[in-house]
Amino acid sequence: MPFGKYRGHTLIDLPEEYLLWFDKKGFPEGELGALMQLALSMRIDGLEDVIRPLKSKK
């Protein structure tokens, strides 16, 4: 996430409530908004575990 309280977090790790807030208020324009919508859809469908193994290990 490039801004706000969750700056630096990966989108799939954002709290579902935060993504739902954006769903009500409007996602950002462009690729970021599209990826946030995808992250929300994956969270709602319980698919976030599909992405986690693909994240680079720190």
C-alpha atoms as a PDB file:
ATOM      1  CA  MET A   1       0.000   0.000   0.000  1.00  0.00           C
ATOM      2  CA  PRO A   2       1.620   3.270  -1.056  1.00  0.00           C
ATOM      3  CA  PHE A   3      -0.210   5.612   1.361  1.00  0.00           C
ATOM      4  CA  GLY A   4      -2.101   5.955   4.603  1.00  0.00           C
ATOM      5  CA  LYS A   5      -2.140   3.982   7.809  1.00  0.00           C
ATOM      6  CA  TYR A   6      -1.113   0.756   6.053  1.00  0.00           C
ATOM      7  CA  ARG A   7       1.703   2.236   3.942  1.00  0.00           C
ATOM      8  CA  GLY A   8       4.201  -0.498   3.069  1.00  0.00           C
ATOM      9  CA  HIS A   9       1.796  -3.400   3.617  1.00  0.00           C
ATOM     10  CA  THR A  10       1.044  -5.761   0.753  1.00  0.00           C
ATOM     11  CA  LEU A  11      -2.500  -5.356  -0.517  1.00  0.00           C
ATOM     12  CA  ILE A  12      -3.536  -8.907   0.329  1.00  0.00           C
ATOM     13  CA  ASP A  13      -2.536  -8.239   3.958  1.00  0.00           C
ATOM     14  CA  LEU A  14      -4.748  -5.165   4.332  1.00  0.00           C
ATOM     15  CA  PRO A  15      -7.592  -5.673   6.818  1.00  0.00           C
ATOM     16  CA  GLU A  16     -10.826  -6.687   5.142  1.00  0.00           C
ATOM     17  CA  GLU A  17     -12.630  -3.829   6.926  1.00  0.00           C
ATOM     18  CA  TYR A  18     -10.234  -1.330   5.317  1.00  0.00           C
ATOM     19  CA  LEU A  19     -10.883  -2.756   1.853  1.00  0.00           C
ATOM     20  CA  LEU A  20     -14.633  -2.752   2.510  1.00  0.00           C
ATOM     21  CA  TRP A  21     -14.406   0.934   3.467  1.00  0.00           C
ATOM     22  CA  PHE A  22     -12.804   1.663   0.091  1.00  0.00           C
ATOM     23  CA  ASP A  23     -15.529  -0.413  -1.575  1.00  0.00           C
ATOM     24  CA  LYS A  24     -18.137   1.933  -0.061  1.00  0.00           C
ATOM     25  CA  LYS A  25     -16.218   5.199  -0.559  1.00  0.00           C
ATOM     26  CA  GLY A  26     -14.558   4.376  -3.875  1.00  0.00           C
ATOM     27  CA  PHE A  27     -11.271   2.711  -4.729  1.00  0.00           C
ATOM     28  CA  PRO A  28      -8.394   4.806  -6.074  1.00  0.00           C
ATOM     29  CA  GLU A  29      -8.201   5.220  -9.842  1.00  0.00           C
ATOM     30  CA  GLY A  30      -6.020   3.016 -11.998  1.00  0.00           C
ATOM     31  CA  GLU A  31      -4.051  -0.110 -11.274  1.00  0.00           C
ATOM     32  CA  LEU A  32      -3.942   0.393  -7.498  1.00  0.00           C
ATOM     33  CA  GLY A  33      -7.729   0.516  -7.260  1.00  0.00           C
ATOM     34  CA  ALA A  34      -8.110  -2.545  -9.493  1.00  0.00           C
ATOM     35  CA  LEU A  35      -5.620  -4.491  -7.369  1.00  0.00           C
ATOM     36  CA  MET A  36      -7.366  -3.432  -4.161  1.00  0.00           C
ATOM     37  CA  GLN A  37     -10.684  -4.641  -5.596  1.00  0.00           C
ATOM     38  CA  LEU A  38      -9.039  -7.945  -6.502  1.00  0.00           C
ATOM     39  CA  ALA A  39      -7.568  -8.241  -2.997  1.00  0.00           C
ATOM     40  CA  LEU A  40     -11.028  -7.656  -1.501  1.00  0.00           C
ATOM     41  CA  SER A  41     -12.599 -10.267  -3.763  1.00  0.00           C
ATOM     42  CA  MET A  42      -9.917 -12.767  -2.807  1.00  0.00           C
ATOM     43  CA  ARG A  43     -10.409 -12.019   0.905  1.00  0.00           C
ATOM     44  CA  ILE A  44     -14.195 -12.413   0.638  1.00  0.00           C
ATOM     45  CA  ASP A  45     -13.778 -15.720  -1.214  1.00  0.00           C
ATOM     46  CA  GLY A  46     -11.156 -16.951   1.264  1.00  0.00           C
ATOM     47  CA  LEU A  47      -8.398 -17.130  -1.352  1.00  0.00           C
ATOM     48  CA  GLU A  48      -5.716 -15.006   0.310  1.00  0.00           C
ATOM     49  CA  ASP A  49      -3.741 -18.163   1.151  1.00  0.00           C
ATOM     50  CA  VAL A  50      -3.216 -18.671  -2.600  1.00  0.00           C
ATOM     51  CA  ILE A  51      -1.170 -15.447  -2.725  1.00  0.00           C
ATOM     52  CA  ARG A  52       0.805 -15.722   0.501  1.00  0.00           C
ATOM     53  CA  PRO A  53       3.238 -18.430  -0.759  1.00  0.00           C
ATOM     54  CA  LEU A  54       4.053 -16.189  -3.736  1.00  0.00           C
ATOM     55  CA  LYS A  55       5.188 -13.300  -1.547  1.00  0.00           C
ATOM     56  CA  SER A  56       8.944 -12.921  -1.250  1.00  0.00           C
ATOM     57  CA  LYS A  57      10.389 -13.940   2.072  1.00  0.00           C
ATOM     58  CA  LYS A  58      11.909 -11.097   4.070  1.00  0.00           C
END
